[in-house]
C-alpha atoms as a PDB file:
ATOM      1  CA  MET A   1     131.219-104.355 -22.541  1.00  0.00           C
ATOM      2  CA  THR A   2     128.906-101.453 -23.955  1.00  0.00           C
ATOM      3  CA  GLU A   3     130.790 -98.916 -22.686  1.00  0.00           C
ATOM      4  CA  PHE A   4     134.023-100.196 -23.858  1.00  0.00           C
ATOM      5  CA  ILE A   5     132.579-100.378 -27.593  1.00  0.00           C
ATOM      6  CA  ALA A   6     131.420 -96.887 -27.520  1.00  0.00           C
ATOM      7  CA  THR A   7     134.870 -95.863 -26.305  1.00  0.00           C
ATOM      8  CA  ALA A   8     136.926 -97.856 -28.594  1.00  0.00           C
ATOM      9  CA  PHE A   9     134.433 -96.278 -31.624  1.00  0.00           C
ATOM     10  CA  VAL A  10     134.748 -93.088 -30.435  1.00  0.00           C
ATOM     11  CA  THR A  11     138.632 -93.215 -30.164  1.00  0.00           C
ATOM     12  CA  PHE A  12     139.215 -94.854 -33.101  1.00  0.00           C
ATOM     13  CA  PHE A  13     136.942 -92.383 -34.978  1.00  0.00           C
ATOM     14  CA  VAL A  14     138.569 -89.785 -33.154  1.00  0.00           C
ATOM     15  CA  VAL A  15     141.767 -90.458 -34.306  1.00  0.00           C
ATOM     16  CA  ILE A  16     141.583 -91.787 -37.606  1.00  0.00           C
ATOM     17  CA  ASP A  17     138.722 -88.774 -38.321  1.00  0.00           C
ATOM     18  CA  PRO A  18     137.846 -90.046 -41.710  1.00  0.00           C
ATOM     19  CA  VAL A  19     135.976 -86.359 -42.358  1.00  0.00           C
ATOM     20  CA  GLY A  20     138.874 -84.460 -41.640  1.00  0.00           C
ATOM     21  CA  ASN A  21     141.183 -86.731 -43.898  1.00  0.00           C
ATOM     22  CA  ALA A  22     138.527 -86.135 -47.058  1.00  0.00           C
ATOM     23  CA  PRO A  23     139.635 -82.953 -47.637  1.00  0.00           C
ATOM     24  CA  ILE A  24     143.501 -83.824 -47.520  1.00  0.00           C
ATOM     25  CA  PHE A  25     142.816 -86.670 -49.906  1.00  0.00           C
ATOM     26  CA  LEU A  26     141.297 -84.658 -52.439  1.00  0.00           C
ATOM     27  CA  GLY A  27     144.320 -82.327 -52.129  1.00  0.00           C
ATOM     28  CA  LEU A  28     147.425 -85.222 -52.396  1.00  0.00           C
ATOM     29  CA  THR A  29     145.195 -86.340 -55.565  1.00  0.00           C
ATOM     30  CA  ALA A  30     144.208 -83.047 -56.972  1.00  0.00           C
ATOM     31  CA  ASN A  31     145.365 -84.692 -60.705  1.00  0.00           C
ATOM     32  CA  GLN A  32     144.123 -87.692 -60.524  1.00  0.00           C
ATOM     33  CA  SER A  33     141.511 -89.402 -62.108  1.00  0.00           C
ATOM     34  CA  ARG A  34     138.613 -90.821 -60.748  1.00  0.00           C
ATOM     35  CA  GLU A  35     139.408 -94.347 -60.975  1.00  0.00           C
ATOM     36  CA  HIS A  36     143.486 -93.538 -60.082  1.00  0.00           C
ATOM     37  CA  ARG A  37     141.795 -91.754 -56.511  1.00  0.00           C
ATOM     38  CA  ARG A  38     139.854 -94.903 -56.020  1.00  0.00           C
ATOM     39  CA  ARG A  39     142.507 -97.284 -56.545  1.00  0.00           C
ATOM     40  CA  ILE A  40     144.622 -95.036 -54.269  1.00  0.00           C
ATOM     41  CA  ALA A  41     141.907 -94.889 -51.319  1.00  0.00           C
ATOM     42  CA  VAL A  42     141.608 -98.699 -51.534  1.00  0.00           C
ATOM     43  CA  LYS A  43     145.379 -99.485 -50.887  1.00  0.00           C
ATOM     44  CA  ALA A  44     145.688 -96.881 -48.487  1.00  0.00           C
ATOM     45  CA  ILE A  45     142.845 -98.383 -46.282  1.00  0.00           C
ATOM     46  CA  LEU A  46     144.667-101.876 -46.734  1.00  0.00           C
ATOM     47  CA  VAL A  47     148.565-100.315 -45.341  1.00  0.00           C
ATOM     48  CA  SER A  48     146.774 -99.177 -42.695  1.00  0.00           C
ATOM     49  CA  ALA A  49     144.362-101.752 -41.592  1.00  0.00           C
ATOM     50  CA  VAL A  50     147.625-104.310 -41.663  1.00  0.00           C
ATOM     51  CA  THR A  51     149.753-101.628 -40.027  1.00  0.00           C
ATOM     52  CA  LEU A  52     147.174-101.377 -37.017  1.00  0.00           C
ATOM     53  CA  VAL A  53     146.473-104.932 -37.051  1.00  0.00           C
ATOM     54  CA  LEU A  54     150.239-105.731 -36.629  1.00  0.00           C
ATOM     55  CA  PHE A  55     150.584-103.323 -33.501  1.00  0.00           C
ATOM     56  CA  ALA A  56     147.346-104.719 -32.054  1.00  0.00           C
ATOM     57  CA  LEU A  57     148.719-108.021 -32.064  1.00  0.00           C
ATOM     58  CA  VAL A  58     152.525-107.580 -30.958  1.00  0.00           C
ATOM     59  CA  GLY A  59     152.500-103.496 -30.069  1.00  0.00           C
ATOM     60  CA  GLU A  60     152.305-104.627 -26.299  1.00  0.00           C
ATOM     61  CA  ILE A  61     155.102-107.406 -26.517  1.00  0.00           C
ATOM     62  CA  PHE A  62     157.355-105.400 -28.025  1.00  0.00           C
ATOM     63  CA  LEU A  63     156.744-102.567 -25.277  1.00  0.00           C
ATOM     64  CA  ARG A  64     157.241-105.330 -22.539  1.00  0.00           C
ATOM     65  CA  LEU A  65     160.956-106.454 -24.160  1.00  0.00           C
ATOM     66  CA  LEU A  66     161.694-102.843 -23.489  1.00  0.00           C
ATOM     67  CA  GLY A  67     160.735-103.105 -19.977  1.00  0.00           C
ATOM     68  CA  ILE A  68     157.719-100.425 -20.270  1.00  0.00           C
ATOM     69  CA  THR A  69     154.666-101.196 -18.453  1.00  0.00           C
ATOM     70  CA  LEU A  70     150.776-100.449 -19.560  1.00  0.00           C
ATOM     71  CA  PRO A  71     150.586 -97.817 -16.933  1.00  0.00           C
ATOM     72  CA  ALA A  72     153.603 -96.050 -18.386  1.00  0.00           C
ATOM     73  CA  VAL A  73     151.816 -96.403 -22.046  1.00  0.00           C
ATOM     74  CA  ARG A  74     148.672 -95.136 -20.678  1.00  0.00           C
ATOM     75  CA  ILE A  75     149.695 -91.968 -19.067  1.00  0.00           C
ATOM     76  CA  ALA A  76     152.410 -91.360 -22.318  1.00  0.00           C
ATOM     77  CA  GLY A  77     149.501 -92.722 -24.760  1.00  0.00           C
ATOM     78  CA  GLY A  78     146.999 -90.346 -22.771  1.00  0.00           C
ATOM     79  CA  ALA A  79     149.520 -87.004 -22.799  1.00  0.00           C
ATOM     80  CA  LEU A  80     150.122 -87.730 -26.922  1.00  0.00           C
ATOM     81  CA  LEU A  81     146.375 -87.892 -27.427  1.00  0.00           C
ATOM     82  CA  PHE A  82     145.680 -84.818 -25.277  1.00  0.00           C
ATOM     83  CA  LEU A  83     147.808 -82.932 -27.717  1.00  0.00           C
ATOM     84  CA  LEU A  84     146.205 -83.742 -30.725  1.00  0.00           C
ATOM     85  CA  SER A  85     142.745 -83.359 -29.180  1.00  0.00           C
ATOM     86  CA  VAL A  86     144.076 -79.703 -28.691  1.00  0.00           C
ATOM     87  CA  ASP A  87     145.053 -79.085 -32.325  1.00  0.00           C
ATOM     88  CA  MET A  88     141.635 -80.402 -33.079  1.00  0.00           C
ATOM     89  CA  VAL A  89     139.961 -78.201 -31.331  1.00  0.00           C
ATOM     90  CA  PHE A  90     141.933 -75.497 -32.199  1.00  0.00           C
ATOM     91  CA  ALA A  91     141.393 -76.597 -36.256  1.00  0.00           C
ATOM     92  CA  ARG A  92     145.534 -76.435 -36.320  1.00  0.00           C
ATOM     93  CA  GLN A  93     147.767 -78.661 -38.407  1.00  0.00           C
ATOM     94  CA  SER A  94     149.204 -81.439 -35.963  1.00  0.00           C
ATOM     95  CA  GLY A  95     152.526 -82.689 -36.011  1.00  0.00           C
ATOM     96  CA  ILE A  96     151.250 -85.963 -34.694  1.00  0.00           C
ATOM     97  CA  ARG A  97     148.563 -86.645 -37.496  1.00  0.00           C
ATOM     98  CA  THR A  98     149.972 -84.702 -40.593  1.00  0.00           C
ATOM     99  CA  MET A  99     153.042 -84.387 -42.571  1.00  0.00           C
ATOM    100  CA  THR A 100     156.053 -82.213 -42.007  1.00  0.00           C
ATOM    101  CA  ASP A 101     157.318 -79.620 -44.622  1.00  0.00           C
ATOM    102  CA  THR A 102     159.216 -81.674 -46.113  1.00  0.00           C
ATOM    103  CA  GLU A 103     157.119 -84.803 -46.266  1.00  0.00           C
ATOM    104  CA  ALA A 104     154.816 -82.355 -47.903  1.00  0.00           C
ATOM    105  CA  HIS A 105     157.639 -81.960 -50.629  1.00  0.00           C
ATOM    106  CA  GLU A 106     158.319 -85.294 -50.943  1.00  0.00           C
ATOM    107  CA  ALA A 107     154.866 -86.383 -51.518  1.00  0.00           C
ATOM    108  CA  GLU A 108     154.395 -83.941 -54.402  1.00  0.00           C
ATOM    109  CA  ASP A 109     156.850 -85.888 -56.148  1.00  0.00           C
ATOM    110  CA  ARG A 110     155.619 -88.985 -55.766  1.00  0.00           C
ATOM    111  CA  GLY A 111     153.513 -90.889 -57.915  1.00  0.00           C
ATOM    112  CA  ASP A 112     151.503 -92.967 -55.440  1.00  0.00           C
ATOM    113  CA  VAL A 113     150.591 -91.243 -52.515  1.00  0.00           C
ATOM    114  CA  ALA A 114     148.517 -94.291 -50.969  1.00  0.00           C
ATOM    115  CA  VAL A 115     151.386 -95.783 -48.589  1.00  0.00           C
ATOM    116  CA  PHE A 116     152.771 -92.429 -47.650  1.00  0.00           C
ATOM    117  CA  PRO A 117     151.236 -90.004 -46.240  1.00  0.00           C
ATOM    118  CA  LEU A 118     148.060 -91.321 -46.396  1.00  0.00           C
ATOM    119  CA  ALA A 119     148.264 -94.459 -44.913  1.00  0.00           C
ATOM    120  CA  VAL A 120     151.191 -93.517 -42.547  1.00  0.00           C
ATOM    121  CA  PRO A 121     150.860 -90.968 -40.970  1.00  0.00           C
ATOM    122  CA  LEU A 122     147.423 -89.492 -41.942  1.00  0.00           C
ATOM    123  CA  ILE A 123     145.306 -92.817 -41.028  1.00  0.00           C
ATOM    124  CA  ALA A 124     147.540 -94.922 -39.574  1.00  0.00           C
ATOM    125  CA  GLY A 125     149.443 -92.310 -37.517  1.00  0.00           C
ATOM    126  CA  PRO A 126     150.761 -92.334 -33.736  1.00  0.00           C
ATOM    127  CA  GLY A 127     147.546 -91.280 -32.616  1.00  0.00           C
ATOM    128  CA  ALA A 128     145.831 -94.117 -33.737  1.00  0.00           C
ATOM    129  CA  ILE A 129     148.619 -96.646 -32.982  1.00  0.00           C
ATOM    130  CA  THR A 130     148.987 -95.614 -29.700  1.00  0.00           C
ATOM    131  CA  SER A 131     145.201 -96.032 -29.341  1.00  0.00           C
ATOM    132  CA  ILE A 132     145.271 -99.600 -30.235  1.00  0.00           C
ATOM    133  CA  ILE A 133     147.964-100.622 -28.122  1.00  0.00           C
ATOM    134  CA  LEU A 134     146.032 -98.752 -25.011  1.00  0.00           C
ATOM    135  CA  LEU A 135     142.613-100.455 -26.078  1.00  0.00           C
ATOM    136  CA  MET A 136     144.356-103.839 -26.572  1.00  0.00           C
ATOM    137  CA  GLY A 137     146.002-103.588 -23.283  1.00  0.00           C
ATOM    138  CA  ARG A 138     142.590-102.579 -21.332  1.00  0.00           C
ATOM    139  CA  ALA A 139     141.282-105.611 -22.761  1.00  0.00           C
ATOM    140  CA  THR A 140     144.402-108.068 -21.652  1.00  0.00           C
ATOM    141  CA  ASP A 141     143.615-111.776 -20.929  1.00  0.00           C
ATOM    142  CA  GLU A 142     140.030-111.148 -22.746  1.00  0.00           C
ATOM    143  CA  PRO A 143     140.133-112.536 -25.906  1.00  0.00           C
ATOM    144  CA  LEU A 144     136.539-111.410 -27.339  1.00  0.00           C
ATOM    145  CA  LEU A 145     137.135-107.707 -25.988  1.00  0.00           C
ATOM    146  CA  GLN A 146     140.223-107.807 -27.904  1.00  0.00           C
ATOM    147  CA  SER A 147     139.264-109.011 -31.395  1.00  0.00           C
ATOM    148  CA  LEU A 148     136.049-106.264 -31.132  1.00  0.00           C
ATOM    149  CA  VAL A 149     138.958-104.011 -30.516  1.00  0.00           C
ATOM    150  CA  VAL A 150     140.138-104.926 -34.170  1.00  0.00           C
ATOM    151  CA  VAL A 151     137.063-105.144 -35.495  1.00  0.00           C
ATOM    152  CA  ILE A 152     135.805-101.804 -34.443  1.00  0.00           C
ATOM    153  CA  MET A 153     138.885-100.231 -35.748  1.00  0.00           C
ATOM    154  CA  LEU A 154     138.675-102.504 -39.134  1.00  0.00           C
ATOM    155  CA  GLY A 155     134.829-100.595 -38.979  1.00  0.00           C
ATOM    156  CA  VAL A 156     136.105 -97.062 -38.517  1.00  0.00           C
ATOM    157  CA  LEU A 157     138.568 -97.936 -41.612  1.00  0.00           C
ATOM    158  CA  GLY A 158     135.699 -98.839 -43.598  1.00  0.00           C
ATOM    159  CA  LEU A 159     133.976 -95.433 -43.027  1.00  0.00           C
ATOM    160  CA  CYS A 160     137.454 -93.952 -43.743  1.00  0.00           C
ATOM    161  CA  LEU A 161     137.230 -95.884 -47.311  1.00  0.00           C
ATOM    162  CA  LEU A 162     133.821 -94.540 -48.047  1.00  0.00           C
ATOM    163  CA  SER A 163     134.884 -90.816 -47.007  1.00  0.00           C
ATOM    164  CA  LEU A 164     137.925 -91.216 -49.052  1.00  0.00           C
ATOM    165  CA  LEU A 165     135.633 -92.408 -52.253  1.00  0.00           C
ATOM    166  CA  PHE A 166     133.172 -89.987 -51.773  1.00  0.00           C
ATOM    167  CA  ALA A 167     135.368 -86.760 -50.436  1.00  0.00           C
ATOM    168  CA  ALA A 168     134.378 -84.616 -53.252  1.00  0.00           C
ATOM    169  CA  ALA A 169     131.108 -84.698 -52.637  1.00  0.00           C
ATOM    170  CA  LEU A 170     131.560 -84.845 -48.911  1.00  0.00           C
ATOM    171  CA  VAL A 171     133.772 -81.451 -49.101  1.00  0.00           C
ATOM    172  CA  LYS A 172     131.320 -80.011 -51.302  1.00  0.00           C
ATOM    173  CA  VAL A 173     128.427 -80.547 -48.930  1.00  0.00           C
ATOM    174  CA  MET A 174     130.226 -79.900 -45.911  1.00  0.00           C
ATOM    175  CA  GLY A 175     132.701 -77.241 -46.770  1.00  0.00           C
ATOM    176  CA  VAL A 176     135.697 -76.425 -44.680  1.00  0.00           C
ATOM    177  CA  THR A 177     134.336 -74.846 -42.222  1.00  0.00           C
ATOM    178  CA  GLY A 178     131.852 -77.616 -41.564  1.00  0.00           C
ATOM    179  CA  VAL A 179     134.562 -79.904 -41.697  1.00  0.00           C
ATOM    180  CA  ASN A 180     136.495 -77.737 -38.972  1.00  0.00           C
ATOM    181  CA  VAL A 181     133.294 -77.930 -36.883  1.00  0.00           C
ATOM    182  CA  VAL A 182     133.326 -81.791 -36.769  1.00  0.00           C
ATOM    183  CA  GLY A 183     137.064 -81.832 -35.834  1.00  0.00           C
ATOM    184  CA  ARG A 184     136.877 -79.257 -32.822  1.00  0.00           C
ATOM    185  CA  VAL A 185     133.559 -81.346 -31.255  1.00  0.00           C
ATOM    186  CA  LEU A 186     135.701 -84.432 -31.684  1.00  0.00           C
ATOM    187  CA  GLY A 187     138.643 -83.131 -30.680  1.00  0.00           C
ATOM    188  CA  ILE A 188     136.714 -82.401 -27.262  1.00  0.00           C
ATOM    189  CA  VAL A 189     135.739 -85.745 -27.193  1.00  0.00           C
ATOM    190  CA  LEU A 190     139.099 -86.730 -27.387  1.00  0.00           C
ATOM    191  CA  ALA A 191     140.497 -84.758 -24.869  1.00  0.00           C
ATOM    192  CA  ALA A 192     138.063 -86.149 -21.832  1.00  0.00           C
ATOM    193  CA  LEU A 193     139.529 -89.824 -23.542  1.00  0.00           C
ATOM    194  CA  ALA A 194     143.041 -88.845 -23.168  1.00  0.00           C
ATOM    195  CA  VAL A 195     142.736 -87.372 -19.552  1.00  0.00           C
ATOM    196  CA  GLN A 196     140.808 -90.412 -18.229  1.00  0.00           C
ATOM    197  CA  TYR A 197     143.363 -92.908 -20.064  1.00  0.00           C
ATOM    198  CA  VAL A 198     146.564 -90.775 -17.865  1.00  0.00           C
ATOM    199  CA  LEU A 199     144.119 -91.068 -14.581  1.00  0.00           C
ATOM    200  CA  ASP A 200     143.922 -94.861 -15.356  1.00  0.00           C
ATOM    201  CA  GLY A 201     147.816 -95.025 -15.945  1.00  0.00           C
ATOM    202  CA  ILE A 202     148.552 -93.218 -12.797  1.00  0.00           C
ATOM    203  CA  ALA A 203     146.077 -95.250 -10.979  1.00  0.00           C
ATOM    204  CA  GLN A 204     147.228 -98.604 -12.121  1.00  0.00           C
ATOM    205  CA  LEU A 205     151.016 -97.581 -11.447  1.00  0.00           C
ATOM    206  CA  ALA A 206     149.910 -96.750  -7.739  1.00  0.00           C
ATOM    207  CA  GLU A 207     148.874-100.217  -7.268  1.00  0.00           C
ATOM    208  CA  THR A 208     151.950-101.903  -9.445  1.00  0.00           C
ATOM    209  CA  PRO A 209     155.389-101.841  -9.426  1.00  0.00           C
ATOM    210  CA  VAL A 210     157.330 -99.414 -11.654  1.00  0.00           C
ATOM    211  CA  LEU A 211     159.095-102.436 -13.314  1.00  0.00           C
ATOM    212  CA  SER A 212     157.486-105.906 -14.551  1.00  0.00           C
END
């Protein structure tokens, strides 16, 4: 159980990336008052929490309705997370967790950026959604572990809220270079986790029928 808890925490911390989201949050709320920034941060975290809890509860069921097996999800999810880890290691803007140019322009015209682009896709993006489905699937038929997955995810979102509330101070202390260094280290860890997901998926696929 300890290993599972550690894996879940590291996975969520890396894909949600509380530290890396701080400078993005500052950029999106540059012209907002301190109080408005606080409201935006709280709303973004609440929307992210609802989104991820929803996928935790019905994500695997939805995939089963589409005829997608858990091994396939693990392999595809591992590949997706590996792509994200490569972008993190090279400190590149990732299409998995960041905005396209069109989305960025749309965000500039919005008065409230809490739901888009902060909650989705920056916080509760494809990486986080994939991770919670994979972890819930790994804990199938174990309600305690599945509850722990949700609790750990909410805990990491709590850390993300703190990083957004104190984003200015965090970026001032760490600087852009410091933020990138943290991202690179976390990217290496995520790469290893992604490969493990793929290996687990292949191993499970070899033991079970392709179609459920």
